[in-house]
């Protein structure tokens, strides 16, 4: 699974209140990156694009849940790893 898919699955596993907290945190990080760009302290402008996309993903999930199109993913049980001897 790709990093993007894993990150999206992790977001979908969060309850609504935690998603809203993640949204606030991401928007704060986005603001700090914008501020850093004005003071020439940001190493990579791509960080802003990444945060903007993360905000969009969170908002999309919240909107879909509000419309009833998506629900929080059920908790997954940990898969037992097989050892070489089995």
N, C-alpha and C. Protein backbone atom coordinates (compact mmCIF):
# COMPACT_ATOMS: atom_id res chain seq x y z
N UNK A 1 0.83 -1.17 0.00
CA UNK A 1 0.00 0.00 0.00
C UNK A 1 0.88 1.24 0.00
N UNK A 2 0.47 2.25 -0.71
CA UNK A 2 1.28 3.46 -0.79
C UNK A 2 1.11 4.31 0.47
N UNK A 3 2.01 5.26 0.64
CA UNK A 3 1.94 6.14 1.81
C UNK A 3 0.66 6.97 1.80
N UNK A 4 0.25 7.40 0.63
CA UNK A 4 -0.96 8.20 0.51
C UNK A 4 -2.19 7.40 0.92
N UNK A 5 -2.27 6.17 0.47
CA UNK A 5 -3.40 5.32 0.80
C UNK A 5 -3.43 5.02 2.29
N UNK A 6 -2.28 4.76 2.86
CA UNK A 6 -2.21 4.48 4.30
C UNK A 6 -2.62 5.71 5.11
N UNK A 7 -2.19 6.88 4.70
CA UNK A 7 -2.54 8.11 5.41
C UNK A 7 -4.05 8.37 5.32
N UNK A 8 -4.64 8.10 4.17
CA UNK A 8 -6.07 8.28 4.00
C UNK A 8 -6.85 7.29 4.86
N UNK A 9 -6.39 6.05 4.94
CA UNK A 9 -7.04 5.05 5.78
C UNK A 9 -6.95 5.45 7.25
N UNK A 10 -5.82 6.00 7.66
CA UNK A 10 -5.67 6.44 9.05
C UNK A 10 -6.65 7.57 9.36
N UNK A 11 -6.85 8.48 8.41
CA UNK A 11 -7.79 9.57 8.61
C UNK A 11 -9.23 9.03 8.69
N UNK A 12 -9.54 8.07 7.84
CA UNK A 12 -10.89 7.50 7.84
C UNK A 12 -11.19 6.72 9.11
N UNK A 13 -10.16 6.22 9.77
CA UNK A 13 -10.35 5.47 11.00
C UNK A 13 -10.64 6.37 12.20
N UNK A 14 -10.37 7.65 12.08
CA UNK A 14 -10.56 8.57 13.20
C UNK A 14 -12.03 8.94 13.38
N UNK A 15 -12.46 9.11 14.63
CA UNK A 15 -13.82 9.61 14.85
C UNK A 15 -13.91 11.10 14.48
N UNK A 16 -15.13 11.60 14.37
CA UNK A 16 -15.35 12.97 13.91
C UNK A 16 -14.64 14.01 14.77
N UNK A 17 -14.69 13.87 16.09
CA UNK A 17 -14.07 14.87 16.96
C UNK A 17 -12.55 14.90 16.78
N UNK A 18 -11.94 13.74 16.59
CA UNK A 18 -10.49 13.70 16.36
C UNK A 18 -10.15 14.25 14.98
N UNK A 19 -11.03 14.04 14.01
CA UNK A 19 -10.81 14.62 12.68
C UNK A 19 -10.82 16.15 12.75
N UNK A 20 -11.74 16.69 13.53
CA UNK A 20 -11.80 18.15 13.66
C UNK A 20 -10.54 18.69 14.35
N UNK A 21 -10.03 17.95 15.32
CA UNK A 21 -8.78 18.35 15.98
C UNK A 21 -7.63 18.29 14.99
N UNK A 22 -7.59 17.23 14.17
CA UNK A 22 -6.55 17.11 13.15
C UNK A 22 -6.65 18.24 12.13
N UNK A 23 -7.89 18.63 11.82
CA UNK A 23 -8.10 19.74 10.87
C UNK A 23 -7.54 21.04 11.44
N UNK A 24 -7.83 21.31 12.70
CA UNK A 24 -7.30 22.53 13.34
C UNK A 24 -5.78 22.51 13.37
N UNK A 25 -5.20 21.36 13.73
CA UNK A 25 -3.74 21.25 13.80
C UNK A 25 -3.11 21.46 12.42
N UNK A 26 -3.72 20.85 11.39
CA UNK A 26 -3.18 20.96 10.03
C UNK A 26 -3.29 22.39 9.52
N UNK A 27 -4.41 23.04 9.81
CA UNK A 27 -4.56 24.44 9.40
C UNK A 27 -3.55 25.34 10.11
N UNK A 28 -3.26 25.04 11.37
CA UNK A 28 -2.26 25.81 12.10
C UNK A 28 -0.88 25.61 11.46
N UNK A 29 -0.56 24.36 11.11
CA UNK A 29 0.72 24.08 10.45
C UNK A 29 0.79 24.79 9.10
N UNK A 30 -0.33 24.80 8.38
CA UNK A 30 -0.38 25.48 7.10
C UNK A 30 -0.12 26.98 7.27
N UNK A 31 -0.73 27.57 8.29
CA UNK A 31 -0.51 28.99 8.57
C UNK A 31 0.97 29.26 8.87
N UNK A 32 1.57 28.40 9.67
CA UNK A 32 2.98 28.59 10.03
C UNK A 32 3.89 28.45 8.81
N UNK A 33 3.54 27.57 7.89
CA UNK A 33 4.32 27.43 6.67
C UNK A 33 4.20 28.70 5.82
N UNK A 34 2.97 29.22 5.70
CA UNK A 34 2.78 30.47 4.95
C UNK A 34 3.57 31.62 5.56
N UNK A 35 3.54 31.69 6.89
CA UNK A 35 4.29 32.73 7.58
C UNK A 35 5.78 32.55 7.33
N UNK A 36 6.24 31.33 7.39
CA UNK A 36 7.65 31.04 7.13
C UNK A 36 8.06 31.39 5.72
N UNK A 37 7.15 31.24 4.77
CA UNK A 37 7.47 31.60 3.39
C UNK A 37 7.69 33.10 3.25
N UNK A 38 6.94 33.89 4.02
CA UNK A 38 7.10 35.35 3.95
C UNK A 38 8.38 35.81 4.64
N UNK A 39 8.87 35.00 5.57
CA UNK A 39 10.10 35.38 6.26
C UNK A 39 11.30 34.56 5.77
N UNK A 40 11.10 33.86 4.65
CA UNK A 40 12.16 33.06 4.01
C UNK A 40 12.75 32.01 4.95
N UNK A 41 11.90 31.34 5.72
CA UNK A 41 12.37 30.30 6.62
C UNK A 41 11.90 28.91 6.21
N UNK A 42 11.17 28.79 5.12
CA UNK A 42 10.67 27.49 4.67
C UNK A 42 11.66 26.91 3.66
N UNK A 43 12.04 25.68 3.91
CA UNK A 43 13.01 25.03 3.04
C UNK A 43 12.37 24.59 1.72
N UNK A 44 11.12 24.13 1.79
CA UNK A 44 10.47 23.61 0.59
C UNK A 44 9.04 24.14 0.48
N UNK A 45 8.73 24.83 -0.60
CA UNK A 45 7.37 25.32 -0.80
C UNK A 45 6.36 24.18 -1.00
N UNK A 46 6.84 22.98 -1.29
CA UNK A 46 5.95 21.84 -1.48
C UNK A 46 5.24 21.46 -0.18
N UNK A 47 5.79 21.88 0.95
CA UNK A 47 5.15 21.61 2.24
C UNK A 47 3.76 22.24 2.29
N UNK A 48 3.62 23.42 1.72
CA UNK A 48 2.34 24.12 1.72
C UNK A 48 1.30 23.32 0.92
N UNK A 49 1.71 22.81 -0.22
CA UNK A 49 0.80 22.02 -1.05
C UNK A 49 0.37 20.75 -0.32
N UNK A 50 1.29 20.12 0.38
CA UNK A 50 0.98 18.91 1.14
C UNK A 50 -0.04 19.19 2.22
N UNK A 51 0.13 20.27 2.95
CA UNK A 51 -0.81 20.63 4.02
C UNK A 51 -2.17 21.01 3.44
N UNK A 52 -2.17 21.71 2.32
CA UNK A 52 -3.42 22.10 1.69
C UNK A 52 -4.21 20.85 1.26
N UNK A 53 -3.51 19.87 0.74
CA UNK A 53 -4.17 18.62 0.33
C UNK A 53 -4.67 17.84 1.54
N UNK A 54 -3.91 17.86 2.62
CA UNK A 54 -4.34 17.17 3.83
C UNK A 54 -5.62 17.80 4.39
N UNK A 55 -5.70 19.13 4.36
CA UNK A 55 -6.91 19.83 4.80
C UNK A 55 -8.09 19.40 3.92
N UNK A 56 -7.87 19.33 2.62
CA UNK A 56 -8.94 18.94 1.69
C UNK A 56 -9.42 17.52 1.97
N UNK A 57 -8.49 16.62 2.26
CA UNK A 57 -8.88 15.23 2.56
C UNK A 57 -9.75 15.16 3.81
N UNK A 58 -9.34 15.88 4.85
CA UNK A 58 -10.10 15.87 6.10
C UNK A 58 -11.49 16.47 5.88
N UNK A 59 -11.55 17.59 5.17
CA UNK A 59 -12.85 18.22 4.91
C UNK A 59 -13.75 17.31 4.07
N UNK A 60 -13.17 16.59 3.13
CA UNK A 60 -13.95 15.68 2.29
C UNK A 60 -14.54 14.55 3.12
N UNK A 61 -13.75 13.99 4.01
CA UNK A 61 -14.23 12.91 4.87
C UNK A 61 -15.35 13.42 5.78
N UNK A 62 -15.15 14.58 6.39
CA UNK A 62 -16.18 15.14 7.27
C UNK A 62 -17.48 15.44 6.51
N UNK A 63 -17.35 15.97 5.30
CA UNK A 63 -18.53 16.28 4.50
C UNK A 63 -19.28 15.01 4.11
N UNK A 64 -18.54 13.98 3.70
CA UNK A 64 -19.16 12.71 3.32
C UNK A 64 -19.88 12.08 4.51
N UNK A 65 -19.30 12.19 5.68
CA UNK A 65 -19.96 11.66 6.89
C UNK A 65 -21.21 12.46 7.21
N UNK A 66 -21.15 13.76 7.01
CA UNK A 66 -22.31 14.60 7.25
C UNK A 66 -23.47 14.26 6.32
N UNK A 67 -23.16 13.86 5.09
CA UNK A 67 -24.19 13.48 4.13
C UNK A 67 -24.64 12.03 4.31
N UNK A 68 -23.93 11.29 5.14
CA UNK A 68 -24.26 9.89 5.36
C UNK A 68 -23.69 8.96 4.30
N UNK A 69 -22.77 9.45 3.50
CA UNK A 69 -22.16 8.63 2.45
C UNK A 69 -21.01 7.78 2.96
N UNK A 70 -20.49 8.14 4.11
CA UNK A 70 -19.33 7.44 4.66
C UNK A 70 -19.49 7.36 6.17
N UNK A 71 -19.03 6.27 6.74
CA UNK A 71 -19.02 6.12 8.19
C UNK A 71 -17.60 5.84 8.63
N UNK A 72 -17.39 5.95 9.93
CA UNK A 72 -16.06 5.66 10.45
C UNK A 72 -15.78 4.19 10.24
N UNK A 73 -14.58 3.88 9.82
CA UNK A 73 -14.20 2.49 9.57
C UNK A 73 -14.21 1.71 10.88
N UNK A 74 -14.70 0.47 10.84
CA UNK A 74 -14.69 -0.33 12.06
C UNK A 74 -13.26 -0.66 12.46
N UNK A 75 -13.06 -0.87 13.74
CA UNK A 75 -11.71 -1.19 14.23
C UNK A 75 -11.26 -2.51 13.64
N UNK A 76 -10.06 -2.53 13.12
CA UNK A 76 -9.51 -3.75 12.52
C UNK A 76 -8.78 -4.55 13.57
N UNK A 77 -8.94 -5.84 13.52
CA UNK A 77 -8.21 -6.71 14.44
C UNK A 77 -6.82 -6.96 13.86
N UNK A 78 -5.85 -7.00 14.74
CA UNK A 78 -4.47 -7.23 14.30
C UNK A 78 -4.35 -8.65 13.75
N UNK A 79 -3.73 -8.76 12.60
CA UNK A 79 -3.52 -10.06 12.00
C UNK A 79 -2.34 -10.75 12.67
N UNK A 80 -2.51 -12.02 12.95
CA UNK A 80 -1.43 -12.79 13.56
C UNK A 80 -0.38 -13.10 12.50
N UNK A 81 0.86 -12.84 12.81
CA UNK A 81 1.95 -13.11 11.88
C UNK A 81 2.36 -14.58 12.01
N UNK A 82 2.59 -15.16 10.86
CA UNK A 82 3.05 -16.56 10.86
C UNK A 82 4.57 -16.57 10.95
N UNK A 83 5.07 -17.52 11.67
CA UNK A 83 6.52 -17.67 11.75
C UNK A 83 6.97 -18.63 10.66
N UNK A 84 8.24 -18.71 10.38
CA UNK A 84 8.77 -19.55 9.32
C UNK A 84 8.52 -21.03 9.57
N UNK A 85 8.45 -21.45 10.82
CA UNK A 85 8.30 -22.86 11.14
C UNK A 85 6.90 -23.38 10.92
N UNK A 86 5.91 -22.52 10.67
CA UNK A 86 4.52 -22.98 10.52
C UNK A 86 4.18 -23.31 9.12
